[in-house]
Amino acid sequence: MTTKKTQEEFKVNGEDLLKKVKQLIAEGNVRRLTIKDKKGKTIVEMPLTVGVVGAVLAAPLAAIGAIAALVTECTIAVEREI
């Protein structure tokens, strides 16, 4: 059985970045998140595996919170498994 992957992008401002990332993680079918600045340069790439929860995500989410304070707008690229 092969899994199919899709990609989509969301443009968000810095203050909404952490909220959107948490929302995407909660959806459960996200396999990789990439955060890019407004020029398209990758700032953070975060692979997510099935079963990653709680304390394992604490450090990456703290880093994303710090990034949110530094950027005015960015793009979240999401790879999903469907």
PDB file of N, CA and C in Angstrom:
ATOM      1  N   MET A   1       0.844  -1.181   0.000  1.00  0.00           N
ATOM      2  CA  MET A   1       0.000   0.000   0.000  1.00  0.00           C
ATOM      3  C   MET A   1       0.884   1.238   0.000  1.00  0.00           C
ATOM      4  N   THR A   2       0.735   2.072  -0.975  1.00  0.00           N
ATOM      5  CA  THR A   2       1.515   3.299  -1.041  1.00  0.00           C
ATOM      6  C   THR A   2       0.694   4.455  -0.485  1.00  0.00           C
ATOM      7  N   THR A   3       1.407   5.374   0.126  1.00  0.00           N
ATOM      8  CA  THR A   3       0.733   6.556   0.652  1.00  0.00           C
ATOM      9  C   THR A   3       0.932   7.709  -0.307  1.00  0.00           C
ATOM     10  N   LYS A   4      -0.072   8.522  -0.409  1.00  0.00           N
ATOM     11  CA  LYS A   4      -0.029   9.670  -1.295  1.00  0.00           C
ATOM     12  C   LYS A   4       0.278  10.910  -0.459  1.00  0.00           C
ATOM     13  N   LYS A   5       1.114  11.783  -1.000  1.00  0.00           N
ATOM     14  CA  LYS A   5       1.478  13.004  -0.296  1.00  0.00           C
ATOM     15  C   LYS A   5       0.981  14.207  -1.070  1.00  0.00           C
ATOM     16  N   THR A   6       0.545  15.207  -0.333  1.00  0.00           N
ATOM     17  CA  THR A   6       0.142  16.467  -0.933  1.00  0.00           C
ATOM     18  C   THR A   6       0.899  17.587  -0.246  1.00  0.00           C
ATOM     19  N   GLN A   7       0.992  18.715  -0.920  1.00  0.00           N
ATOM     20  CA  GLN A   7       1.651  19.877  -0.337  1.00  0.00           C
ATOM     21  C   GLN A   7       0.752  21.087  -0.480  1.00  0.00           C
ATOM     22  N   GLU A   8       0.781  21.923   0.537  1.00  0.00           N
ATOM     23  CA  GLU A   8       0.057  23.188   0.476  1.00  0.00           C
ATOM     24  C   GLU A   8       0.838  24.229   1.259  1.00  0.00           C
ATOM     25  N   GLU A   9       0.529  25.484   1.007  1.00  0.00           N
ATOM     26  CA  GLU A   9       1.234  26.575   1.674  1.00  0.00           C
ATOM     27  C   GLU A   9       0.230  27.547   2.280  1.00  0.00           C
ATOM     28  N   PHE A  10       0.614  28.103   3.431  1.00  0.00           N
ATOM     29  CA  PHE A  10      -0.189  29.104   4.117  1.00  0.00           C
ATOM     30  C   PHE A  10       0.678  30.318   4.375  1.00  0.00           C
ATOM     31  N   LYS A  11       0.186  31.485   4.039  1.00  0.00           N
ATOM     32  CA  LYS A  11       0.885  32.731   4.363  1.00  0.00           C
ATOM     33  C   LYS A  11       0.301  33.251   5.669  1.00  0.00           C
ATOM     34  N   VAL A  12       1.165  33.506   6.639  1.00  0.00           N
ATOM     35  CA  VAL A  12       0.720  33.996   7.944  1.00  0.00           C
ATOM     36  C   VAL A  12       1.629  35.121   8.401  1.00  0.00           C
ATOM     37  N   ASN A  13       1.132  35.950   9.300  1.00  0.00           N
ATOM     38  CA  ASN A  13       2.012  36.949   9.884  1.00  0.00           C
ATOM     39  C   ASN A  13       2.650  36.351  11.130  1.00  0.00           C
ATOM     40  N   GLY A  14       3.680  36.994  11.620  1.00  0.00           N
ATOM     41  CA  GLY A  14       4.462  36.461  12.723  1.00  0.00           C
ATOM     42  C   GLY A  14       3.660  36.121  13.956  1.00  0.00           C
ATOM     43  N   GLU A  15       2.683  36.970  14.303  1.00  0.00           N
ATOM     44  CA  GLU A  15       1.921  36.729  15.523  1.00  0.00           C
ATOM     45  C   GLU A  15       0.995  35.523  15.427  1.00  0.00           C
ATOM     46  N   ASP A  16       0.631  35.102  14.219  1.00  0.00           N
ATOM     47  CA  ASP A  16      -0.238  33.942  14.040  1.00  0.00           C
ATOM     48  C   ASP A  16       0.529  32.652  13.736  1.00  0.00           C
ATOM     49  N   LEU A  17       1.838  32.747  13.614  1.00  0.00           N
ATOM     50  CA  LEU A  17       2.651  31.597  13.200  1.00  0.00           C
ATOM     51  C   LEU A  17       2.514  30.418  14.154  1.00  0.00           C
ATOM     52  N   LEU A  18       2.754  30.621  15.429  1.00  0.00           N
ATOM     53  CA  LEU A  18       2.726  29.519  16.393  1.00  0.00           C
ATOM     54  C   LEU A  18       1.336  28.893  16.483  1.00  0.00           C
ATOM     55  N   LYS A  19       0.312  29.715  16.461  1.00  0.00           N
ATOM     56  CA  LYS A  19      -1.065  29.212  16.520  1.00  0.00           C
ATOM     57  C   LYS A  19      -1.363  28.320  15.315  1.00  0.00           C
ATOM     58  N   LYS A  20      -0.936  28.748  14.126  1.00  0.00           N
ATOM     59  CA  LYS A  20      -1.192  27.966  12.910  1.00  0.00           C
ATOM     60  C   LYS A  20      -0.416  26.655  12.930  1.00  0.00           C
ATOM     61  N   VAL A  21       0.841  26.686  13.392  1.00  0.00           N
ATOM     62  CA  VAL A  21       1.645  25.459  13.463  1.00  0.00           C
ATOM     63  C   VAL A  21       0.996  24.461  14.420  1.00  0.00           C
ATOM     64  N   LYS A  22       0.548  24.923  15.576  1.00  0.00           N
ATOM     65  CA  LYS A  22      -0.112  24.027  16.530  1.00  0.00           C
ATOM     66  C   LYS A  22      -1.384  23.438  15.935  1.00  0.00           C
ATOM     67  N   GLN A  23      -2.132  24.257  15.207  1.00  0.00           N
ATOM     68  CA  GLN A  23      -3.355  23.785  14.562  1.00  0.00           C
ATOM     69  C   GLN A  23      -3.038  22.693  13.540  1.00  0.00           C
ATOM     70  N   LEU A  24      -2.008  22.908  12.731  1.00  0.00           N
ATOM     71  CA  LEU A  24      -1.630  21.924  11.716  1.00  0.00           C
ATOM     72  C   LEU A  24      -1.173  20.616  12.352  1.00  0.00           C
ATOM     73  N   ILE A  25      -0.396  20.697  13.423  1.00  0.00           N
ATOM     74  CA  ILE A  25       0.074  19.491  14.110  1.00  0.00           C
ATOM     75  C   ILE A  25      -1.106  18.717  14.685  1.00  0.00           C
ATOM     76  N   ALA A  26      -2.078  19.427  15.230  1.00  0.00           N
ATOM     77  CA  ALA A  26      -3.252  18.779  15.819  1.00  0.00           C
ATOM     78  C   ALA A  26      -4.074  18.012  14.782  1.00  0.00           C
ATOM     79  N   GLU A  27      -3.999  18.428  13.529  1.00  0.00           N
ATOM     80  CA  GLU A  27      -4.751  17.732  12.478  1.00  0.00           C
ATOM     81  C   GLU A  27      -4.261  16.302  12.287  1.00  0.00           C
ATOM     82  N   GLY A  28      -3.008  16.036  12.603  1.00  0.00           N
ATOM     83  CA  GLY A  28      -2.510  14.672  12.641  1.00  0.00           C
ATOM     84  C   GLY A  28      -1.966  14.076  11.367  1.00  0.00           C
ATOM     85  N   ASN A  29      -2.297  14.589  10.201  1.00  0.00           N
ATOM     86  CA  ASN A  29      -1.799  13.982   8.969  1.00  0.00           C
ATOM     87  C   ASN A  29      -0.639  14.763   8.352  1.00  0.00           C
ATOM     88  N   VAL A  30      -0.089  15.718   9.094  1.00  0.00           N
ATOM     89  CA  VAL A  30       1.043  16.505   8.615  1.00  0.00           C
ATOM     90  C   VAL A  30       2.327  15.714   8.841  1.00  0.00           C
ATOM     91  N   ARG A  31       3.148  15.598   7.811  1.00  0.00           N
ATOM     92  CA  ARG A  31       4.399  14.841   7.913  1.00  0.00           C
ATOM     93  C   ARG A  31       5.624  15.743   7.950  1.00  0.00           C
ATOM     94  N   ARG A  32       5.519  16.958   7.420  1.00  0.00           N
ATOM     95  CA  ARG A  32       6.658  17.877   7.410  1.00  0.00           C
ATOM     96  C   ARG A  32       6.148  19.304   7.339  1.00  0.00           C
ATOM     97  N   LEU A  33       6.746  20.163   8.161  1.00  0.00           N
ATOM     98  CA  LEU A  33       6.453  21.592   8.127  1.00  0.00           C
ATOM     99  C   LEU A  33       7.723  22.333   7.758  1.00  0.00           C
ATOM    100  N   THR A  34       7.616  23.270   6.849  1.00  0.00           N
ATOM    101  CA  THR A  34       8.735  24.117   6.483  1.00  0.00           C
ATOM    102  C   THR A  34       8.272  25.561   6.612  1.00  0.00           C
ATOM    103  N   ILE A  35       9.027  26.346   7.365  1.00  0.00           N
ATOM    104  CA  ILE A  35       8.699  27.758   7.536  1.00  0.00           C
ATOM    105  C   ILE A  35       9.698  28.570   6.728  1.00  0.00           C
ATOM    106  N   LYS A  36       9.167  29.431   5.861  1.00  0.00           N
ATOM    107  CA  LYS A  36      10.001  30.245   4.982  1.00  0.00           C
ATOM    108  C   LYS A  36       9.738  31.716   5.242  1.00  0.00           C
ATOM    109  N   ASP A  37      10.783  32.537   5.071  1.00  0.00           N
ATOM    110  CA  ASP A  37      10.583  33.983   5.216  1.00  0.00           C
ATOM    111  C   ASP A  37       9.875  34.520   3.976  1.00  0.00           C
ATOM    112  N   LYS A  38       9.588  35.827   3.960  1.00  0.00           N
ATOM    113  CA  LYS A  38       8.807  36.380   2.852  1.00  0.00           C
ATOM    114  C   LYS A  38       9.543  36.356   1.525  1.00  0.00           C
ATOM    115  N   LYS A  39      10.862  36.122   1.555  1.00  0.00           N
ATOM    116  CA  LYS A  39      11.634  35.996   0.314  1.00  0.00           C
ATOM    117  C   LYS A  39      11.726  34.548  -0.164  1.00  0.00           C
ATOM    118  N   GLY A  40      11.152  33.611   0.608  1.00  0.00           N
ATOM    119  CA  GLY A  40      11.162  32.209   0.219  1.00  0.00           C
ATOM    120  C   GLY A  40      12.316  31.402   0.791  1.00  0.00           C
ATOM    121  N   LYS A  41      13.155  32.008   1.619  1.00  0.00           N
ATOM    122  CA  LYS A  41      14.282  31.307   2.225  1.00  0.00           C
ATOM    123  C   LYS A  41      13.784  30.464   3.401  1.00  0.00           C
ATOM    124  N   THR A  42      14.198  29.192   3.438  1.00  0.00           N
ATOM    125  CA  THR A  42      13.778  28.295   4.508  1.00  0.00           C
ATOM    126  C   THR A  42      14.425  28.708   5.825  1.00  0.00           C
ATOM    127  N   ILE A  43      13.589  28.894   6.844  1.00  0.00           N
ATOM    128  CA  ILE A  43      14.056  29.243   8.179  1.00  0.00           C
ATOM    129  C   ILE A  43      14.128  27.987   9.045  1.00  0.00           C
ATOM    130  N   VAL A  44      13.062  27.184   9.008  1.00  0.00           N
ATOM    131  CA  VAL A  44      12.980  25.958   9.804  1.00  0.00           C
ATOM    132  C   VAL A  44      12.302  24.879   8.979  1.00  0.00           C
ATOM    133  N   GLU A  45      12.843  23.670   9.072  1.00  0.00           N
ATOM    134  CA  GLU A  45      12.199  22.515   8.460  1.00  0.00           C
ATOM    135  C   GLU A  45      12.036  21.482   9.568  1.00  0.00           C
ATOM    136  N   MET A  46      10.802  21.032   9.786  1.00  0.00           N
ATOM    137  CA  MET A  46      10.513  20.164  10.906  1.00  0.00           C
ATOM    138  C   MET A  46       9.757  18.928  10.431  1.00  0.00           C
ATOM    139  N   PRO A  47      10.428  17.765  10.416  1.00  0.00           N
ATOM    140  CA  PRO A  47       9.696  16.545  10.072  1.00  0.00           C
ATOM    141  C   PRO A  47       8.855  16.098  11.263  1.00  0.00           C
ATOM    142  N   LEU A  48       7.667  15.618  10.987  1.00  0.00           N
ATOM    143  CA  LEU A  48       6.791  15.104  12.043  1.00  0.00           C
ATOM    144  C   LEU A  48       6.499  13.653  11.727  1.00  0.00           C
ATOM    145  N   THR A  49       6.642  12.811  12.709  1.00  0.00           N
ATOM    146  CA  THR A  49       6.346  11.402  12.520  1.00  0.00           C
ATOM    147  C   THR A  49       5.111  11.040  13.319  1.00  0.00           C
ATOM    148  N   VAL A  50       4.494   9.947  12.954  1.00  0.00           N
ATOM    149  CA  VAL A  50       3.303   9.495  13.657  1.00  0.00           C
ATOM    150  C   VAL A  50       3.668   9.256  15.117  1.00  0.00           C
ATOM    151  N   GLY A  51       2.871   9.778  16.006  1.00  0.00           N
ATOM    152  CA  GLY A  51       3.096   9.564  17.434  1.00  0.00           C
ATOM    153  C   GLY A  51       3.939  10.624  18.113  1.00  0.00           C
ATOM    154  N   VAL A  52       4.376  11.643  17.405  1.00  0.00           N
ATOM    155  CA  VAL A  52       5.153  12.710  18.021  1.00  0.00           C
ATOM    156  C   VAL A  52       4.183  13.626  18.755  1.00  0.00           C
ATOM    157  N   VAL A  53       4.327  13.684  20.071  1.00  0.00           N
ATOM    158  CA  VAL A  53       3.422  14.510  20.874  1.00  0.00           C
ATOM    159  C   VAL A  53       4.154  15.112  22.063  1.00  0.00           C
ATOM    160  N   GLY A  54       3.479  16.019  22.725  1.00  0.00           N
ATOM    161  CA  GLY A  54       3.897  16.542  24.018  1.00  0.00           C
ATOM    162  C   GLY A  54       5.296  17.089  24.099  1.00  0.00           C
ATOM    163  N   ALA A  55       6.088  16.519  25.005  1.00  0.00           N
ATOM    164  CA  ALA A  55       7.423  17.038  25.321  1.00  0.00           C
ATOM    165  C   ALA A  55       8.353  17.016  24.120  1.00  0.00           C
ATOM    166  N   VAL A  56       8.155  16.076  23.209  1.00  0.00           N
ATOM    167  CA  VAL A  56       9.012  15.994  22.030  1.00  0.00           C
ATOM    168  C   VAL A  56       8.864  17.245  21.168  1.00  0.00           C
ATOM    169  N   LEU A  57       7.693  17.834  21.159  1.00  0.00           N
ATOM    170  CA  LEU A  57       7.445  19.029  20.348  1.00  0.00           C
ATOM    171  C   LEU A  57       7.733  20.331  21.093  1.00  0.00           C
ATOM    172  N   ALA A  58       8.006  20.267  22.380  1.00  0.00           N
ATOM    173  CA  ALA A  58       8.187  21.485  23.174  1.00  0.00           C
ATOM    174  C   ALA A  58       9.323  22.359  22.645  1.00  0.00           C
ATOM    175  N   ALA A  59      10.484  21.785  22.391  1.00  0.00           N
ATOM    176  CA  ALA A  59      11.625  22.568  21.911  1.00  0.00           C
ATOM    177  C   ALA A  59      11.381  23.174  20.521  1.00  0.00           C
ATOM    178  N   PRO A  60      10.911  22.381  19.552  1.00  0.00           N
ATOM    179  CA  PRO A  60      10.636  22.993  18.243  1.00  0.00           C
ATOM    180  C   PRO A  60       9.578  24.093  18.311  1.00  0.00           C
ATOM    181  N   LEU A  61       8.564  23.922  19.146  1.00  0.00           N
ATOM    182  CA  LEU A  61       7.538  24.953  19.256  1.00  0.00           C
ATOM    183  C   LEU A  61       8.084  26.211  19.921  1.00  0.00           C
ATOM    184  N   ALA A  62       8.990  26.052  20.877  1.00  0.00           N
ATOM    185  CA  ALA A  62       9.632  27.216  21.496  1.00  0.00           C
ATOM    186  C   ALA A  62      10.463  27.969  20.459  1.00  0.00           C
ATOM    187  N   ALA A  63      11.164  27.223  19.603  1.00  0.00           N
ATOM    188  CA  ALA A  63      11.964  27.847  18.543  1.00  0.00           C
ATOM    189  C   ALA A  63      11.057  28.588  17.553  1.00  0.00           C
ATOM    190  N   ILE A  64       9.926  27.988  17.223  1.00  0.00           N
ATOM    191  CA  ILE A  64       8.983  28.630  16.304  1.00  0.00           C
ATOM    192  C   ILE A  64       8.424  29.901  16.940  1.00  0.00           C
ATOM    193  N   GLY A  65       8.187  29.875  18.247  1.00  0.00           N
ATOM    194  CA  GLY A  65       7.731  31.073  18.944  1.00  0.00           C
ATOM    195  C   GLY A  65       8.748  32.198  18.860  1.00  0.00           C
ATOM    196  N   ALA A  66      10.023  31.852  18.976  1.00  0.00           N
ATOM    197  CA  ALA A  66      11.088  32.854  18.859  1.00  0.00           C
ATOM    198  C   ALA A  66      11.161  33.404  17.439  1.00  0.00           C
ATOM    199  N   ILE A  67      11.000  32.538  16.459  1.00  0.00           N
ATOM    200  CA  ILE A  67      11.009  32.965  15.057  1.00  0.00           C
ATOM    201  C   ILE A  67       9.843  33.914  14.796  1.00  0.00           C
ATOM    202  N   ALA A  68       8.684  33.598  15.372  1.00  0.00           N
ATOM    203  CA  ALA A  68       7.494  34.422  15.174  1.00  0.00           C
ATOM    204  C   ALA A  68       7.727  35.857  15.636  1.00  0.00           C
ATOM    205  N   ALA A  69       8.546  36.010  16.675  1.00  0.00           N
ATOM    206  CA  ALA A  69       8.834  37.350  17.180  1.00  0.00           C
ATOM    207  C   ALA A  69       9.731  38.134  16.223  1.00  0.00           C
ATOM    208  N   LEU A  70      10.461  37.439  15.363  1.00  0.00           N
ATOM    209  CA  LEU A  70      11.418  38.080  14.470  1.00  0.00           C
ATOM    210  C   LEU A  70      10.897  38.352  13.061  1.00  0.00           C
ATOM    211  N   VAL A  71       9.879  37.626  12.621  1.00  0.00           N
ATOM    212  CA  VAL A  71       9.403  37.785  11.248  1.00  0.00           C
ATOM    213  C   VAL A  71       8.056  38.496  11.232  1.00  0.00           C
ATOM    214  N   THR A  72       7.844  39.290  10.204  1.00  0.00           N
ATOM    215  CA  THR A  72       6.560  39.973  10.076  1.00  0.00           C
ATOM    216  C   THR A  72       5.569  39.134   9.277  1.00  0.00           C
ATOM    217  N   GLU A  73       6.060  38.456   8.258  1.00  0.00           N
ATOM    218  CA  GLU A  73       5.210  37.542   7.517  1.00  0.00           C
ATOM    219  C   GLU A  73       6.055  36.389   7.019  1.00  0.00           C
ATOM    220  N   CYS A  74       5.416  35.230   6.899  1.00  0.00           N
ATOM    221  CA  CYS A  74       6.143  34.049   6.445  1.00  0.00           C
ATOM    222  C   CYS A  74       5.165  33.091   5.787  1.00  0.00           C
ATOM    223  N   THR A  75       5.722  32.021   5.245  1.00  0.00           N
ATOM    224  CA  THR A  75       4.921  30.991   4.598  1.00  0.00           C
ATOM    225  C   THR A  75       5.193  29.662   5.294  1.00  0.00           C
ATOM    226  N   ILE A  76       4.146  28.923   5.574  1.00  0.00           N
ATOM    227  CA  ILE A  76       4.281  27.580   6.124  1.00  0.00           C
ATOM    228  C   ILE A  76       3.961  26.613   4.998  1.00  0.00           C
ATOM    229  N   ALA A  77       4.945  25.809   4.613  1.00  0.00           N
ATOM    230  CA  ALA A  77       4.716  24.771   3.605  1.00  0.00           C
ATOM    231  C   ALA A  77       4.439  23.479   4.361  1.00  0.00           C
ATOM    232  N   VAL A  78       3.359  22.811   4.004  1.00  0.00           N
ATOM    233  CA  VAL A  78       2.908  21.620   4.717  1.00  0.00           C
ATOM    234  C   VAL A  78       2.880  20.442   3.762  1.00  0.00           C
ATOM    235  N   GLU A  79       3.517  19.351   4.190  1.00  0.00           N
ATOM    236  CA  GLU A  79       3.443  18.093   3.437  1.00  0.00           C
ATOM    237  C   GLU A  79       2.552  17.162   4.232  1.00  0.00           C
ATOM    238  N   ARG A  80       1.511  16.681   3.585  1.00  0.00           N
ATOM    239  CA  ARG A  80       0.542  15.803   4.252  1.00  0.00           C
ATOM    240  C   ARG A  80       0.539  14.428   3.605  1.00  0.00           C
ATOM    241  N   GLU A  81       0.189  13.444   4.404  1.00  0.00           N
ATOM    242  CA  GLU A  81      -0.002  12.096   3.923  1.00  0.00           C
ATOM    243  C   GLU A  81      -1.490  11.850   3.868  1.00  0.00           C
ATOM    244  N   ILE A  82      -1.978  11.430   2.712  1.00  0.00           N
ATOM    245  CA  ILE A  82      -3.419  11.187   2.601  1.00  0.00           C
ATOM    246  C   ILE A  82      -3.684   9.757   2.201  1.00  0.00           C
TER     247      ILE A  82
END
